[in-house]
N, C-alpha and C. Protein backbone atom coordinates (compact mmCIF):
# COMPACT_ATOMS: atom_id res chain seq x y z
N MET A 1 11.92 20.35 7.61
CA MET A 1 10.91 19.41 7.22
C MET A 1 10.51 19.79 5.66
N ASP A 2 10.33 18.73 4.83
CA ASP A 2 9.80 19.05 3.28
C ASP A 2 8.38 19.40 3.45
N ASP A 3 7.77 20.64 3.09
CA ASP A 3 6.57 20.98 3.08
C ASP A 3 5.67 19.99 2.33
N ARG A 4 6.13 19.37 1.37
CA ARG A 4 5.44 18.55 0.30
C ARG A 4 4.84 17.06 1.27
N LYS A 5 6.05 16.61 1.91
CA LYS A 5 5.87 15.46 2.66
C LYS A 5 5.06 15.73 3.82
N TYR A 6 5.05 16.93 4.50
CA TYR A 6 4.02 17.27 5.57
C TYR A 6 2.51 17.31 5.20
N LEU A 7 2.39 18.08 3.87
CA LEU A 7 0.95 18.05 3.34
C LEU A 7 0.55 16.84 2.85
N GLY A 8 1.52 15.99 2.30
CA GLY A 8 1.01 14.59 2.00
C GLY A 8 0.45 13.80 3.05
N GLY A 9 1.32 13.98 4.19
CA GLY A 9 0.79 13.14 5.31
C GLY A 9 -0.31 13.67 5.91
N MET A 10 -0.75 14.90 5.80
CA MET A 10 -1.95 15.54 6.10
C MET A 10 -3.05 14.91 5.29
N LEU A 11 -2.81 14.87 4.13
CA LEU A 11 -3.82 14.56 3.29
C LEU A 11 -4.08 12.93 3.35
N ILE A 12 -3.15 12.04 3.53
CA ILE A 12 -3.46 10.69 3.83
C ILE A 12 -4.15 10.52 5.22
N GLU A 13 -3.61 11.29 6.17
CA GLU A 13 -4.63 11.26 7.47
C GLU A 13 -6.03 11.71 7.17
N LYS A 14 -6.40 12.74 6.29
CA LYS A 14 -7.65 13.00 6.04
C LYS A 14 -8.36 11.89 5.42
N LEU A 15 -7.71 11.32 4.27
CA LEU A 15 -8.31 10.14 3.53
C LEU A 15 -8.61 8.99 4.48
N LEU A 16 -7.67 8.56 5.37
CA LEU A 16 -7.84 7.57 6.23
C LEU A 16 -9.08 7.64 7.10
N GLU A 17 -9.33 8.88 7.49
CA GLU A 17 -10.48 9.12 8.40
C GLU A 17 -11.68 9.29 7.45
N ALA A 18 -11.78 9.76 6.56
CA ALA A 18 -12.94 10.07 5.56
C ALA A 18 -13.27 9.26 4.46
N ASP A 19 -12.33 8.30 3.90
CA ASP A 19 -12.70 7.43 2.91
C ASP A 19 -12.41 5.86 3.25
N ALA A 20 -13.48 5.16 3.37
CA ALA A 20 -13.40 3.73 3.76
C ALA A 20 -12.62 2.95 2.81
N GLY A 21 -12.72 3.34 1.68
CA GLY A 21 -11.84 2.46 0.48
C GLY A 21 -10.59 2.85 0.56
N PHE A 22 -10.09 4.08 0.87
CA PHE A 22 -8.58 4.39 1.02
C PHE A 22 -8.31 3.51 2.17
N LYS A 23 -8.81 3.69 3.24
CA LYS A 23 -8.35 3.10 4.45
C LYS A 23 -8.08 1.35 4.31
N GLU A 24 -9.13 1.00 3.59
CA GLU A 24 -9.17 -0.49 3.48
C GLU A 24 -7.94 -0.90 2.40
N ALA A 25 -7.68 -0.10 1.35
CA ALA A 25 -6.50 -0.20 0.49
C ALA A 25 -5.20 0.05 1.16
N PHE A 26 -5.20 0.95 2.13
CA PHE A 26 -4.05 1.28 2.96
C PHE A 26 -3.58 0.04 3.76
N ASN A 27 -4.51 -0.34 4.68
CA ASN A 27 -4.48 -1.47 5.37
C ASN A 27 -4.08 -2.83 4.58
N ASN A 28 -4.73 -3.06 3.47
CA ASN A 28 -4.40 -4.24 2.83
C ASN A 28 -2.89 -4.13 2.20
N HIS A 29 -2.57 -2.93 1.69
CA HIS A 29 -1.13 -2.66 1.17
C HIS A 29 -0.15 -2.89 2.14
N ARG A 30 -0.53 -2.51 3.68
CA ARG A 30 0.42 -2.51 4.60
C ARG A 30 0.58 -4.33 4.96
N GLU A 31 -0.64 -4.90 4.95
CA GLU A 31 -0.44 -6.36 5.24
C GLU A 31 0.24 -7.03 3.99
N CYS A 32 0.12 -6.66 2.92
CA CYS A 32 1.03 -7.46 1.79
C CYS A 32 2.51 -7.07 2.19
N VAL A 33 2.97 -5.87 2.43
CA VAL A 33 4.06 -5.38 2.92
C VAL A 33 4.74 -6.54 3.80
N LYS A 34 3.93 -6.63 5.12
CA LYS A 34 4.19 -7.63 6.10
C LYS A 34 4.50 -9.05 5.63
N LYS A 35 3.63 -9.59 4.86
CA LYS A 35 3.68 -10.78 4.17
C LYS A 35 4.98 -10.99 3.36
N LEU A 36 5.20 -10.12 2.36
CA LEU A 36 6.05 -10.23 1.55
C LEU A 36 7.50 -10.23 2.27
N SER A 37 7.64 -9.26 3.15
CA SER A 37 8.59 -9.02 4.22
C SER A 37 9.10 -10.46 4.74
N ARG A 38 8.13 -11.19 5.13
CA ARG A 38 8.51 -12.63 5.71
C ARG A 38 8.71 -13.66 4.78
N LEU A 39 8.17 -13.47 3.61
CA LEU A 39 8.63 -14.28 2.48
C LEU A 39 9.93 -14.17 1.89
N LEU A 40 10.23 -12.82 1.74
CA LEU A 40 11.65 -12.35 1.39
C LEU A 40 12.80 -12.84 2.17
N LYS A 41 12.52 -13.16 3.32
CA LYS A 41 13.54 -13.47 4.42
C LYS A 41 13.97 -14.87 4.25
N ARG A 42 13.09 -15.71 3.71
CA ARG A 42 13.44 -17.20 3.52
C ARG A 42 14.38 -17.43 2.63
N PRO A 43 15.50 -18.15 2.77
CA PRO A 43 16.70 -18.23 1.84
C PRO A 43 16.37 -18.98 0.76
N HIS A 44 15.56 -20.06 0.88
CA HIS A 44 15.13 -21.08 -0.22
C HIS A 44 13.83 -21.30 -0.19
N PRO A 45 13.08 -20.21 -1.02
CA PRO A 45 11.49 -20.41 -1.03
C PRO A 45 11.01 -21.62 -1.87
N THR A 46 9.89 -22.42 -1.34
CA THR A 46 9.38 -23.21 -2.40
C THR A 46 8.92 -22.53 -3.51
N HIS A 47 8.43 -23.35 -4.54
CA HIS A 47 7.94 -23.14 -5.64
C HIS A 47 6.51 -22.25 -5.36
N VAL A 48 5.77 -22.79 -4.29
CA VAL A 48 4.34 -22.06 -3.98
C VAL A 48 4.96 -20.98 -3.33
N GLU A 49 5.85 -20.72 -2.42
CA GLU A 49 6.02 -19.36 -1.81
C GLU A 49 6.49 -18.27 -2.80
N ALA A 50 7.11 -18.67 -3.89
CA ALA A 50 7.78 -17.81 -4.94
C ALA A 50 6.39 -17.39 -5.69
N MET A 51 5.56 -18.26 -6.02
CA MET A 51 4.30 -17.84 -6.70
C MET A 51 3.53 -16.84 -5.73
N GLU A 52 3.55 -17.01 -4.45
CA GLU A 52 2.75 -16.34 -3.37
C GLU A 52 3.36 -15.00 -3.54
N LYS A 53 4.75 -14.90 -3.40
CA LYS A 53 5.45 -13.72 -3.29
C LYS A 53 5.16 -12.78 -4.68
N ASP A 54 5.21 -13.48 -5.75
CA ASP A 54 4.62 -12.68 -7.08
C ASP A 54 3.40 -12.24 -6.98
N ARG A 55 2.43 -13.10 -6.29
CA ARG A 55 1.03 -12.77 -6.41
C ARG A 55 0.90 -11.34 -5.29
N LEU A 56 1.48 -11.35 -4.21
CA LEU A 56 1.54 -10.48 -3.23
C LEU A 56 2.14 -9.08 -3.79
N LYS A 57 3.24 -9.24 -4.65
CA LYS A 57 3.63 -8.06 -5.40
C LYS A 57 2.74 -7.35 -6.15
N LYS A 58 1.97 -8.09 -6.94
CA LYS A 58 0.81 -7.51 -7.91
C LYS A 58 -0.14 -6.86 -6.79
N LEU A 59 -0.61 -7.81 -5.99
CA LEU A 59 -1.78 -7.18 -5.16
C LEU A 59 -1.31 -5.75 -4.48
N LYS A 60 -0.04 -5.96 -3.99
CA LYS A 60 0.44 -4.63 -3.31
C LYS A 60 0.49 -3.44 -4.21
N LEU A 61 0.84 -3.65 -5.35
CA LEU A 61 0.99 -2.57 -6.55
C LEU A 61 -0.37 -2.16 -6.69
N SER A 62 -1.31 -3.01 -6.81
CA SER A 62 -3.06 -2.71 -7.11
C SER A 62 -3.44 -1.83 -6.04
N TYR A 63 -3.06 -2.02 -4.80
CA TYR A 63 -3.75 -1.23 -3.67
C TYR A 63 -2.93 0.10 -3.57
N LYS A 64 -1.51 0.11 -4.20
CA LYS A 64 -0.89 1.41 -4.11
C LYS A 64 -1.39 2.31 -5.14
N ASP A 65 -1.80 1.61 -6.22
CA ASP A 65 -2.49 2.42 -7.35
C ASP A 65 -3.81 2.90 -7.07
N GLU A 66 -4.59 2.27 -6.27
CA GLU A 66 -5.83 2.79 -5.54
C GLU A 66 -5.61 3.81 -4.84
N MET A 67 -4.72 3.71 -3.88
CA MET A 67 -4.63 4.85 -3.02
C MET A 67 -3.90 5.98 -3.69
N GLN A 68 -3.20 5.83 -4.65
CA GLN A 68 -2.61 7.02 -5.47
C GLN A 68 -3.73 7.84 -6.14
N ARG A 69 -4.55 7.01 -6.68
CA ARG A 69 -5.85 7.47 -7.43
C ARG A 69 -6.70 8.49 -6.46
N LYS A 70 -7.01 7.99 -5.30
CA LYS A 70 -7.72 8.65 -4.30
C LYS A 70 -6.95 9.77 -3.85
N PHE A 71 -5.63 9.67 -3.72
CA PHE A 71 -4.77 10.85 -3.22
C PHE A 71 -4.95 12.06 -4.25
N ALA A 72 -4.72 11.66 -5.38
CA ALA A 72 -4.67 12.48 -6.55
C ALA A 72 -6.05 13.43 -6.63
N GLN A 73 -7.10 12.36 -6.57
CA GLN A 73 -8.50 13.27 -6.61
C GLN A 73 -8.63 14.18 -5.51
N LEU A 74 -8.14 13.84 -4.21
CA LEU A 74 -8.30 14.77 -3.00
C LEU A 74 -7.53 16.16 -3.28
N ARG A 75 -6.36 15.87 -3.93
CA ARG A 75 -5.25 17.05 -4.16
C ARG A 75 -5.78 17.75 -5.28
N ALA A 76 -6.59 17.40 -6.04
CA ALA A 76 -7.34 18.05 -7.18
C ALA A 76 -8.31 19.03 -6.85
N VAL A 77 -8.99 18.75 -5.74
CA VAL A 77 -9.95 19.45 -4.96
C VAL A 77 -9.63 20.73 -4.70
């Protein structure tokens, strides 16, 4: 097993338990992934669905950025 992956998983678990903001971003990111998955399965999305897909992609990225900032802060300690 890759030690970095193992250590990263441990840090993520620690953040999920200790940091409400990280946990919220993590859960919101996961929800965006689920919604995007459903939208991407549609063979002919409507204009509204295409706009929603773009909105979710941006939102998902913002949650990922937030999680990465908190992750980096913890690793720096």
